[in-house]
């Protein structure tokens, strides 16, 4: 998770650098996945669901092969959480 002005105004190359750091931390910790969450300008902790979330396609769906799977996508954090819940992480979703 990244905060502050650097996170709010991060360029594409900066996000790519942070994703590489995320991969290193994933490997070092033995985790299966890594996601980068960064603060969105004007959105405090009360709106964390609207913050930027970055993920590799392969971490969202292992069917994406090779270099396509390495593609980084950006979405709102709440949407990443929804996707993760849909594929079995966390408690079952309620039908609301």
C-alpha atoms as a PDB file:
ATOM      1  CA  UNK A   1       0.000   0.000   0.000  1.00  0.00           C
ATOM      2  CA  UNK A   2       1.306   3.393  -0.987  1.00  0.00           C
ATOM      3  CA  UNK A   3       0.149   6.726   0.384  1.00  0.00           C
ATOM      4  CA  UNK A   4       1.058  10.380   0.232  1.00  0.00           C
ATOM      5  CA  UNK A   5       1.642  12.683  -2.699  1.00  0.00           C
ATOM      6  CA  UNK A   6       3.886  10.162  -4.495  1.00  0.00           C
ATOM      7  CA  UNK A   7       1.041   7.633  -4.561  1.00  0.00           C
ATOM      8  CA  UNK A   8      -1.549  10.197  -5.617  1.00  0.00           C
ATOM      9  CA  UNK A   9       0.460  11.394  -8.605  1.00  0.00           C
ATOM     10  CA  UNK A  10       2.348   8.223  -9.549  1.00  0.00           C
ATOM     11  CA  UNK A  11       3.294   7.866 -13.208  1.00  0.00           C
ATOM     12  CA  UNK A  12       2.982   4.625 -15.144  1.00  0.00           C
ATOM     13  CA  UNK A  13       6.748   3.953 -14.831  1.00  0.00           C
ATOM     14  CA  UNK A  14       6.541   4.550 -11.067  1.00  0.00           C
ATOM     15  CA  UNK A  15       3.629   2.135 -10.714  1.00  0.00           C
ATOM     16  CA  UNK A  16       5.619  -0.428 -12.751  1.00  0.00           C
ATOM     17  CA  UNK A  17       8.564   0.014 -10.370  1.00  0.00           C
ATOM     18  CA  UNK A  18       6.301  -0.486  -7.356  1.00  0.00           C
ATOM     19  CA  UNK A  19       4.824  -3.614  -8.957  1.00  0.00           C
ATOM     20  CA  UNK A  20       8.356  -5.016  -9.361  1.00  0.00           C
ATOM     21  CA  UNK A  21       8.964  -4.281  -5.669  1.00  0.00           C
ATOM     22  CA  UNK A  22       5.663  -5.976  -4.880  1.00  0.00           C
ATOM     23  CA  UNK A  23       6.807  -9.072  -6.792  1.00  0.00           C
ATOM     24  CA  UNK A  24      10.051  -9.176  -4.791  1.00  0.00           C
ATOM     25  CA  UNK A  25       8.104  -8.952  -1.532  1.00  0.00           C
ATOM     26  CA  UNK A  26       5.701 -11.664  -2.749  1.00  0.00           C
ATOM     27  CA  UNK A  27       8.597 -14.003  -3.472  1.00  0.00           C
ATOM     28  CA  UNK A  28      10.382 -13.182  -0.195  1.00  0.00           C
ATOM     29  CA  UNK A  29       7.235 -13.861   1.831  1.00  0.00           C
ATOM     30  CA  UNK A  30       6.244 -16.993  -0.082  1.00  0.00           C
ATOM     31  CA  UNK A  31       2.893 -15.446  -1.044  1.00  0.00           C
ATOM     32  CA  UNK A  32       1.016 -16.556  -4.139  1.00  0.00           C
ATOM     33  CA  UNK A  33      -0.170 -13.091  -5.195  1.00  0.00           C
ATOM     34  CA  UNK A  34       0.702  -9.430  -4.894  1.00  0.00           C
ATOM     35  CA  UNK A  35      -1.460  -6.380  -5.348  1.00  0.00           C
ATOM     36  CA  UNK A  36      -0.539  -2.719  -5.154  1.00  0.00           C
ATOM     37  CA  UNK A  37      -3.018  -0.370  -3.495  1.00  0.00           C
ATOM     38  CA  UNK A  38      -2.339   3.364  -3.653  1.00  0.00           C
ATOM     39  CA  UNK A  39      -4.099   6.389  -2.304  1.00  0.00           C
ATOM     40  CA  UNK A  40      -6.185   8.368  -4.701  1.00  0.00           C
ATOM     41  CA  UNK A  41      -5.997  12.149  -4.595  1.00  0.00           C
ATOM     42  CA  UNK A  42      -8.794  13.650  -2.523  1.00  0.00           C
ATOM     43  CA  UNK A  43      -9.841  10.255  -1.146  1.00  0.00           C
ATOM     44  CA  UNK A  44      -9.090   9.674   2.524  1.00  0.00           C
ATOM     45  CA  UNK A  45      -9.343   6.483   4.539  1.00  0.00           C
ATOM     46  CA  UNK A  46     -13.137   6.735   4.613  1.00  0.00           C
ATOM     47  CA  UNK A  47     -13.104   6.161   0.847  1.00  0.00           C
ATOM     48  CA  UNK A  48     -10.428   3.482   0.670  1.00  0.00           C
ATOM     49  CA  UNK A  49     -12.635   1.432  -1.638  1.00  0.00           C
ATOM     50  CA  UNK A  50     -12.133   4.126  -4.278  1.00  0.00           C
ATOM     51  CA  UNK A  51      -8.333   4.013  -4.058  1.00  0.00           C
ATOM     52  CA  UNK A  52      -6.345   2.632  -7.013  1.00  0.00           C
ATOM     53  CA  UNK A  53      -5.621  -1.091  -7.046  1.00  0.00           C
ATOM     54  CA  UNK A  54      -3.085  -2.604  -9.433  1.00  0.00           C
ATOM     55  CA  UNK A  55      -2.839  -6.304 -10.236  1.00  0.00           C
ATOM     56  CA  UNK A  56      -1.268  -8.559 -12.817  1.00  0.00           C
ATOM     57  CA  UNK A  57      -3.795 -10.330 -15.042  1.00  0.00           C
ATOM     58  CA  UNK A  58      -2.340 -13.713 -14.042  1.00  0.00           C
ATOM     59  CA  UNK A  59      -3.164 -12.947 -10.403  1.00  0.00           C
ATOM     60  CA  UNK A  60      -6.791 -12.292 -11.301  1.00  0.00           C
ATOM     61  CA  UNK A  61      -7.121 -15.284 -13.641  1.00  0.00           C
ATOM     62  CA  UNK A  62      -4.422 -17.927 -14.186  1.00  0.00           C
ATOM     63  CA  UNK A  63      -5.773 -18.545 -17.689  1.00  0.00           C
ATOM     64  CA  UNK A  64      -3.815 -15.516 -18.940  1.00  0.00           C
ATOM     65  CA  UNK A  65      -0.583 -16.987 -20.341  1.00  0.00           C
ATOM     66  CA  UNK A  66       2.998 -15.688 -20.509  1.00  0.00           C
ATOM     67  CA  UNK A  67       3.623 -12.022 -21.102  1.00  0.00           C
ATOM     68  CA  UNK A  68      -0.126 -11.278 -21.268  1.00  0.00           C
ATOM     69  CA  UNK A  69      -0.418 -12.505 -17.686  1.00  0.00           C
ATOM     70  CA  UNK A  70       2.267 -10.005 -16.658  1.00  0.00           C
ATOM     71  CA  UNK A  71       0.114  -7.088 -17.847  1.00  0.00           C
ATOM     72  CA  UNK A  72      -0.743  -4.740 -14.974  1.00  0.00           C
ATOM     73  CA  UNK A  73      -4.295  -3.466 -14.770  1.00  0.00           C
ATOM     74  CA  UNK A  74      -5.753  -0.710 -12.598  1.00  0.00           C
ATOM     75  CA  UNK A  75      -9.165  -0.656 -10.952  1.00  0.00           C
ATOM     76  CA  UNK A  76     -10.826   0.666  -7.848  1.00  0.00           C
ATOM     77  CA  UNK A  77      -9.815  -1.251  -4.716  1.00  0.00           C
ATOM     78  CA  UNK A  78     -13.442  -2.204  -4.017  1.00  0.00           C
ATOM     79  CA  UNK A  79     -13.613  -3.889  -7.437  1.00  0.00           C
ATOM     80  CA  UNK A  80     -10.447  -5.876  -6.747  1.00  0.00           C
ATOM     81  CA  UNK A  81     -11.963  -7.030  -3.472  1.00  0.00           C
ATOM     82  CA  UNK A  82     -15.149  -8.039  -5.294  1.00  0.00           C
ATOM     83  CA  UNK A  83     -13.145 -10.080  -7.823  1.00  0.00           C
ATOM     84  CA  UNK A  84     -11.192 -11.804  -5.056  1.00  0.00           C
ATOM     85  CA  UNK A  85     -14.409 -12.662  -3.242  1.00  0.00           C
ATOM     86  CA  UNK A  86     -15.894 -14.067  -6.469  1.00  0.00           C
ATOM     87  CA  UNK A  87     -12.985 -16.491  -6.834  1.00  0.00           C
ATOM     88  CA  UNK A  88     -13.226 -17.732  -3.256  1.00  0.00           C
ATOM     89  CA  UNK A  89     -11.184 -15.438  -1.022  1.00  0.00           C
ATOM     90  CA  UNK A  90     -12.904 -14.232   2.126  1.00  0.00           C
ATOM     91  CA  UNK A  91     -16.432 -14.938   3.259  1.00  0.00           C
ATOM     92  CA  UNK A  92     -19.179 -15.693   0.729  1.00  0.00           C
ATOM     93  CA  UNK A  93     -20.837 -12.630  -0.826  1.00  0.00           C
ATOM     94  CA  UNK A  94     -24.378 -11.772   0.142  1.00  0.00           C
ATOM     95  CA  UNK A  95     -26.916 -11.329  -2.649  1.00  0.00           C
ATOM     96  CA  UNK A  96     -27.848  -7.676  -2.131  1.00  0.00           C
END
